C-alpha atoms as a PDB file:
ATOM      1  CA  UNK A   1       6.798  37.383  38.335  1.00  0.00           C
ATOM      2  CA  UNK A   2       8.134  35.777  34.915  1.00  0.00           C
ATOM      3  CA  UNK A   3       7.354  37.827  31.626  1.00  0.00           C
ATOM      4  CA  UNK A   4       6.596  36.092  28.101  1.00  0.00           C
ATOM      5  CA  UNK A   5       7.910  38.289  24.938  1.00  0.00           C
ATOM      6  CA  UNK A   6       5.583  37.698  22.128  1.00  0.00           C
ATOM      7  CA  UNK A   7       6.954  39.104  18.978  1.00  0.00           C
ATOM      8  CA  UNK A   8       3.434  39.837  17.420  1.00  0.00           C
ATOM      9  CA  UNK A   9       4.590  39.874  13.549  1.00  0.00           C
ATOM     10  CA  UNK A  10       6.336  36.356  13.842  1.00  0.00           C
ATOM     11  CA  UNK A  11       3.303  34.846  16.002  1.00  0.00           C
ATOM     12  CA  UNK A  12       0.988  36.096  13.302  1.00  0.00           C
ATOM     13  CA  UNK A  13       2.934  34.831  10.361  1.00  0.00           C
ATOM     14  CA  UNK A  14       2.814  31.451  12.326  1.00  0.00           C
ATOM     15  CA  UNK A  15      -0.640  31.197  12.957  1.00  0.00           C
ATOM     16  CA  UNK A  16      -1.444  32.027   8.927  1.00  0.00           C
ATOM     17  CA  UNK A  17       0.872  30.063   8.293  1.00  0.00           C
ATOM     18  CA  UNK A  18      -0.363  27.304   9.863  1.00  0.00           C
ATOM     19  CA  UNK A  19      -3.692  28.120   9.026  1.00  0.00           C
ATOM     20  CA  UNK A  20      -2.868  27.960   5.107  1.00  0.00           C
ATOM     21  CA  UNK A  21      -1.549  24.764   5.504  1.00  0.00           C
ATOM     22  CA  UNK A  22      -4.456  23.432   6.803  1.00  0.00           C
ATOM     23  CA  UNK A  23      -6.961  24.594   3.852  1.00  0.00           C
ATOM     24  CA  UNK A  24      -4.363  23.288   1.434  1.00  0.00           C
ATOM     25  CA  UNK A  25      -4.430  19.746   2.679  1.00  0.00           C
ATOM     26  CA  UNK A  26      -8.005  19.703   3.396  1.00  0.00           C
ATOM     27  CA  UNK A  27      -8.641  20.530  -0.376  1.00  0.00           C
ATOM     28  CA  UNK A  28      -6.581  17.814  -1.231  1.00  0.00           C
ATOM     29  CA  UNK A  29      -8.568  15.232   0.474  1.00  0.00           C
ATOM     30  CA  UNK A  30     -11.774  17.087  -0.814  1.00  0.00           C
ATOM     31  CA  UNK A  31     -10.005  16.226  -4.426  1.00  0.00           C
ATOM     32  CA  UNK A  32      -9.656  12.510  -3.343  1.00  0.00           C
ATOM     33  CA  UNK A  33     -13.188  10.393  -3.971  1.00  0.00           C
ATOM     34  CA  UNK A  34     -11.547   7.177  -3.919  1.00  0.00           C
ATOM     35  CA  UNK A  35     -12.249   6.826  -0.169  1.00  0.00           C
ATOM     36  CA  UNK A  36     -16.078   6.806  -0.490  1.00  0.00           C
ATOM     37  CA  UNK A  37     -17.787   3.906   0.387  1.00  0.00           C
ATOM     38  CA  UNK A  38     -21.386   2.797   0.071  1.00  0.00           C
ATOM     39  CA  UNK A  39     -22.923   0.749   2.624  1.00  0.00           C
ATOM     40  CA  UNK A  40     -25.678  -0.432   0.756  1.00  0.00           C
ATOM     41  CA  UNK A  41     -25.387  -1.841  -3.153  1.00  0.00           C
ATOM     42  CA  UNK A  42     -26.680   0.931  -5.583  1.00  0.00           C
ATOM     43  CA  UNK A  43     -28.265  -0.349  -9.011  1.00  0.00           C
ATOM     44  CA  UNK A  44     -27.415   1.607 -11.917  1.00  0.00           C
ATOM     45  CA  UNK A  45     -30.207   2.661 -14.221  1.00  0.00           C
ATOM     46  CA  UNK A  46     -28.296   2.758 -17.501  1.00  0.00           C
ATOM     47  CA  UNK A  47     -29.621   1.051 -20.801  1.00  0.00           C
ATOM     48  CA  UNK A  48     -29.062  -2.882 -21.507  1.00  0.00           C
ATOM     49  CA  UNK A  49     -26.406  -2.240 -23.771  1.00  0.00           C
ATOM     50  CA  UNK A  50     -23.074  -4.373 -22.618  1.00  0.00           C
ATOM     51  CA  UNK A  51     -19.817  -2.301 -22.735  1.00  0.00           C
ATOM     52  CA  UNK A  52     -17.240  -4.263 -25.031  1.00  0.00           C
ATOM     53  CA  UNK A  53     -14.162  -3.066 -25.651  1.00  0.00           C
ATOM     54  CA  UNK A  54     -14.075  -4.095 -29.134  1.00  0.00           C
ATOM     55  CA  UNK A  55     -10.235  -5.500 -30.332  1.00  0.00           C
ATOM     56  CA  UNK A  56      -8.209  -3.164 -32.439  1.00  0.00           C
ATOM     57  CA  UNK A  57      -6.320  -3.720 -35.462  1.00  0.00           C
ATOM     58  CA  UNK A  58      -2.697  -2.925 -33.561  1.00  0.00           C
ATOM     59  CA  UNK A  59      -2.200  -3.335 -30.113  1.00  0.00           C
ATOM     60  CA  UNK A  60       0.964  -1.002 -28.668  1.00  0.00           C
ATOM     61  CA  UNK A  61      -0.036  -2.347 -25.438  1.00  0.00           C
ATOM     62  CA  UNK A  62       0.475  -6.251 -26.069  1.00  0.00           C
ATOM     63  CA  UNK A  63       3.802  -5.670 -26.904  1.00  0.00           C
ATOM     64  CA  UNK A  64       5.089  -7.097 -23.232  1.00  0.00           C
ATOM     65  CA  UNK A  65       2.046 -10.156 -23.024  1.00  0.00           C
ATOM     66  CA  UNK A  66       4.259 -13.362 -22.507  1.00  0.00           C
ATOM     67  CA  UNK A  67       3.539 -16.120 -25.467  1.00  0.00           C
ATOM     68  CA  UNK A  68       4.206 -18.990 -22.902  1.00  0.00           C
ATOM     69  CA  UNK A  69       1.306 -18.617 -20.662  1.00  0.00           C
ATOM     70  CA  UNK A  70      -1.856 -19.898 -20.141  1.00  0.00           C
ATOM     71  CA  UNK A  71      -4.580 -17.085 -21.416  1.00  0.00           C
ATOM     72  CA  UNK A  72      -6.750 -17.341 -18.884  1.00  0.00           C
ATOM     73  CA  UNK A  73      -4.062 -16.171 -16.938  1.00  0.00           C
ATOM     74  CA  UNK A  74      -3.460 -13.021 -18.900  1.00  0.00           C
ATOM     75  CA  UNK A  75      -4.778  -9.866 -17.649  1.00  0.00           C
ATOM     76  CA  UNK A  76      -5.836  -6.535 -19.738  1.00  0.00           C
ATOM     77  CA  UNK A  77      -4.401  -5.266 -22.011  1.00  0.00           C
ATOM     78  CA  UNK A  78      -3.697  -8.900 -23.436  1.00  0.00           C
ATOM     79  CA  UNK A  79      -7.426  -9.424 -22.965  1.00  0.00           C
ATOM     80  CA  UNK A  80     -10.682  -7.798 -23.146  1.00  0.00           C
ATOM     81  CA  UNK A  81     -13.611  -8.331 -21.211  1.00  0.00           C
ATOM     82  CA  UNK A  82     -17.491  -7.543 -21.905  1.00  0.00           C
ATOM     83  CA  UNK A  83     -18.278  -5.915 -18.875  1.00  0.00           C
ATOM     84  CA  UNK A  84     -21.562  -5.102 -18.458  1.00  0.00           C
ATOM     85  CA  UNK A  85     -22.620  -1.382 -16.891  1.00  0.00           C
ATOM     86  CA  UNK A  86     -26.030  -2.747 -15.553  1.00  0.00           C
ATOM     87  CA  UNK A  87     -24.468  -5.088 -12.692  1.00  0.00           C
ATOM     88  CA  UNK A  88     -24.948  -4.203  -8.994  1.00  0.00           C
ATOM     89  CA  UNK A  89     -22.130  -2.604  -7.411  1.00  0.00           C
ATOM     90  CA  UNK A  90     -20.169  -4.427  -5.458  1.00  0.00           C
ATOM     91  CA  UNK A  91     -21.196  -7.896  -6.597  1.00  0.00           C
ATOM     92  CA  UNK A  92     -19.704 -10.586  -8.007  1.00  0.00           C
ATOM     93  CA  UNK A  93     -19.976 -11.014 -12.076  1.00  0.00           C
ATOM     94  CA  UNK A  94     -18.831 -13.699 -14.298  1.00  0.00           C
ATOM     95  CA  UNK A  95     -17.961 -11.733 -18.085  1.00  0.00           C
ATOM     96  CA  UNK A  96     -16.706 -12.947 -20.999  1.00  0.00           C
ATOM     97  CA  UNK A  97     -12.875 -12.848 -21.871  1.00  0.00           C
ATOM     98  CA  UNK A  98     -11.468 -13.009 -24.987  1.00  0.00           C
ATOM     99  CA  UNK A  99      -7.691 -12.802 -25.814  1.00  0.00           C
ATOM    100  CA  UNK A 100      -6.530  -9.888 -28.156  1.00  0.00           C
ATOM    101  CA  UNK A 101      -5.770 -11.179 -31.846  1.00  0.00           C
ATOM    102  CA  UNK A 102      -1.860 -10.723 -31.654  1.00  0.00           C
ATOM    103  CA  UNK A 103      -1.460 -12.142 -28.207  1.00  0.00           C
ATOM    104  CA  UNK A 104       0.080 -15.628 -28.728  1.00  0.00           C
ATOM    105  CA  UNK A 105      -0.889 -17.939 -25.216  1.00  0.00           C
ATOM    106  CA  UNK A 106      -1.800 -21.269 -24.301  1.00  0.00           C
ATOM    107  CA  UNK A 107      -5.456 -22.748 -24.263  1.00  0.00           C
ATOM    108  CA  UNK A 108      -8.845 -21.535 -24.933  1.00  0.00           C
ATOM    109  CA  UNK A 109      -8.899 -18.043 -26.304  1.00  0.00           C
ATOM    110  CA  UNK A 110     -12.408 -17.555 -24.977  1.00  0.00           C
ATOM    111  CA  UNK A 111     -13.036 -18.009 -21.360  1.00  0.00           C
ATOM    112  CA  UNK A 112     -15.121 -16.483 -18.306  1.00  0.00           C
ATOM    113  CA  UNK A 113     -13.433 -14.342 -15.559  1.00  0.00           C
ATOM    114  CA  UNK A 114     -15.389 -12.849 -12.395  1.00  0.00           C
ATOM    115  CA  UNK A 115     -14.854  -9.375 -11.179  1.00  0.00           C
ATOM    116  CA  UNK A 116     -16.533  -7.536  -8.731  1.00  0.00           C
ATOM    117  CA  UNK A 117     -18.960  -4.631 -10.123  1.00  0.00           C
ATOM    118  CA  UNK A 118     -17.388  -0.925  -9.756  1.00  0.00           C
ATOM    119  CA  UNK A 119     -15.480   1.687 -11.884  1.00  0.00           C
ATOM    120  CA  UNK A 120     -11.890   2.039 -11.565  1.00  0.00           C
ATOM    121  CA  UNK A 121     -11.949   4.800  -9.236  1.00  0.00           C
ATOM    122  CA  UNK A 122     -13.880   3.146  -6.742  1.00  0.00           C
ATOM    123  CA  UNK A 123     -11.356   0.304  -6.336  1.00  0.00           C
ATOM    124  CA  UNK A 124      -9.088  -0.087  -3.568  1.00  0.00           C
ATOM    125  CA  UNK A 125      -6.226   1.718  -2.226  1.00  0.00           C
ATOM    126  CA  UNK A 126      -3.887  -1.803  -2.469  1.00  0.00           C
ATOM    127  CA  UNK A 127      -5.214  -2.368  -6.093  1.00  0.00           C
ATOM    128  CA  UNK A 128      -3.055   1.007  -7.605  1.00  0.00           C
ATOM    129  CA  UNK A 129       0.604   1.523  -8.518  1.00  0.00           C
ATOM    130  CA  UNK A 130       1.273   4.986  -7.930  1.00  0.00           C
ATOM    131  CA  UNK A 131       4.531   7.279  -8.657  1.00  0.00           C
ATOM    132  CA  UNK A 132       6.082   8.020  -5.592  1.00  0.00           C
ATOM    133  CA  UNK A 133       8.404  11.030  -4.657  1.00  0.00           C
ATOM    134  CA  UNK A 134      12.122  10.152  -4.104  1.00  0.00           C
ATOM    135  CA  UNK A 135      13.060  13.124  -1.527  1.00  0.00           C
ATOM    136  CA  UNK A 136      10.133  13.708   0.616  1.00  0.00           C
ATOM    137  CA  UNK A 137      10.700  15.776   3.180  1.00  0.00           C
ATOM    138  CA  UNK A 138       7.787  15.987   5.650  1.00  0.00           C
ATOM    139  CA  UNK A 139       9.027  16.213   9.506  1.00  0.00           C
ATOM    140  CA  UNK A 140       6.857  19.225   9.561  1.00  0.00           C
ATOM    141  CA  UNK A 141       3.159  19.527  11.369  1.00  0.00           C
ATOM    142  CA  UNK A 142       0.922  18.872  10.292  1.00  0.00           C
ATOM    143  CA  UNK A 143       1.738  16.194   7.784  1.00  0.00           C
ATOM    144  CA  UNK A 144       2.492  17.118   4.175  1.00  0.00           C
ATOM    145  CA  UNK A 145       0.556  15.530   0.970  1.00  0.00           C
ATOM    146  CA  UNK A 146       1.549  15.833  -2.630  1.00  0.00           C
ATOM    147  CA  UNK A 147      -0.390  14.869  -5.959  1.00  0.00           C
ATOM    148  CA  UNK A 148       0.823  11.369  -7.682  1.00  0.00           C
ATOM    149  CA  UNK A 149      -0.428  10.059 -10.807  1.00  0.00           C
ATOM    150  CA  UNK A 150      -1.840   6.282  -9.672  1.00  0.00           C
ATOM    151  CA  UNK A 151      -2.656   3.489 -12.134  1.00  0.00           C
ATOM    152  CA  UNK A 152      -5.022   0.283 -11.382  1.00  0.00           C
ATOM    153  CA  UNK A 153      -3.034  -2.949 -11.188  1.00  0.00           C
ATOM    154  CA  UNK A 154      -3.505  -4.933 -14.414  1.00  0.00           C
ATOM    155  CA  UNK A 155      -4.770  -7.666 -12.799  1.00  0.00           C
ATOM    156  CA  UNK A 156      -7.770  -5.592 -11.675  1.00  0.00           C
ATOM    157  CA  UNK A 157     -10.710  -5.989 -14.168  1.00  0.00           C
ATOM    158  CA  UNK A 158     -13.406  -2.904 -13.564  1.00  0.00           C
ATOM    159  CA  UNK A 159     -15.520  -0.699 -15.290  1.00  0.00           C
ATOM    160  CA  UNK A 160     -14.280   2.306 -17.417  1.00  0.00           C
ATOM    161  CA  UNK A 161     -10.804   0.617 -18.841  1.00  0.00           C
ATOM    162  CA  UNK A 162     -10.227   4.396 -20.180  1.00  0.00           C
ATOM    163  CA  UNK A 163     -10.277   5.579 -16.680  1.00  0.00           C
ATOM    164  CA  UNK A 164      -7.535   3.238 -15.231  1.00  0.00           C
ATOM    165  CA  UNK A 165      -5.324   6.449 -14.769  1.00  0.00           C
ATOM    166  CA  UNK A 166      -6.141   8.997 -11.627  1.00  0.00           C
ATOM    167  CA  UNK A 167      -4.572  11.588  -9.554  1.00  0.00           C
ATOM    168  CA  UNK A 168      -4.450  11.412  -5.645  1.00  0.00           C
ATOM    169  CA  UNK A 169      -3.245  12.953  -2.505  1.00  0.00           C
ATOM    170  CA  UNK A 170      -0.008  10.947  -1.431  1.00  0.00           C
ATOM    171  CA  UNK A 171       0.512  11.248   2.514  1.00  0.00           C
ATOM    172  CA  UNK A 172       4.254  11.900   3.267  1.00  0.00           C
ATOM    173  CA  UNK A 173       5.582  10.314   6.614  1.00  0.00           C
ATOM    174  CA  UNK A 174       9.031  10.686   8.060  1.00  0.00           C
ATOM    175  CA  UNK A 175      10.081   8.343  10.411  1.00  0.00           C
ATOM    176  CA  UNK A 176      13.253   7.036  11.913  1.00  0.00           C
ATOM    177  CA  UNK A 177      14.993   9.902  10.052  1.00  0.00           C
ATOM    178  CA  UNK A 178      14.488   8.003   7.290  1.00  0.00           C
ATOM    179  CA  UNK A 179      11.922   8.867   4.170  1.00  0.00           C
ATOM    180  CA  UNK A 180       9.121   7.008   3.829  1.00  0.00           C
ATOM    181  CA  UNK A 181       5.882   7.371   1.564  1.00  0.00           C
ATOM    182  CA  UNK A 182       2.381   5.799   2.465  1.00  0.00           C
ATOM    183  CA  UNK A 183      -0.595   6.548   0.624  1.00  0.00           C
ATOM    184  CA  UNK A 184      -3.597   8.223   2.266  1.00  0.00           C
ATOM    185  CA  UNK A 185      -5.313   6.484   4.343  1.00  0.00           C
END
């Protein structure tokens, strides 16, 4: 008959560590509301006023706008669009967009653009750019996560333009002894 020696303090430490790590991962995933999906469109009951991001006299963000492009191909902050918050969630809507006053471009300065009715936090994962850590060592089980700042890509129109930046939990993945980081699925 073979015996197995168990060091009780080390075994308890290991069990408590795994338990606390799972709680930490669960809390980080609970903070991440971007993956919630609605199976049926929801109608917003807001006032009938349109949300207009009116032009300002000084546009510090327009310094990177290209002057040799067609106006209709520009993205925020080079343009501003009148987005109606009374649209039906998930519906494709045509909106009126204007080029900011200090931006030089080719073509008509007022044009129509379509966008999917949703707030910036409801956009898909691939429509974001996130700050990734350079040294993520996650060979441990269960997989590790870290908090990162993510921004909706400029070519995506969404309601709540002042909320284009958001913190999310990022999943760290270790494969082939190389360091890779992927967004939480």
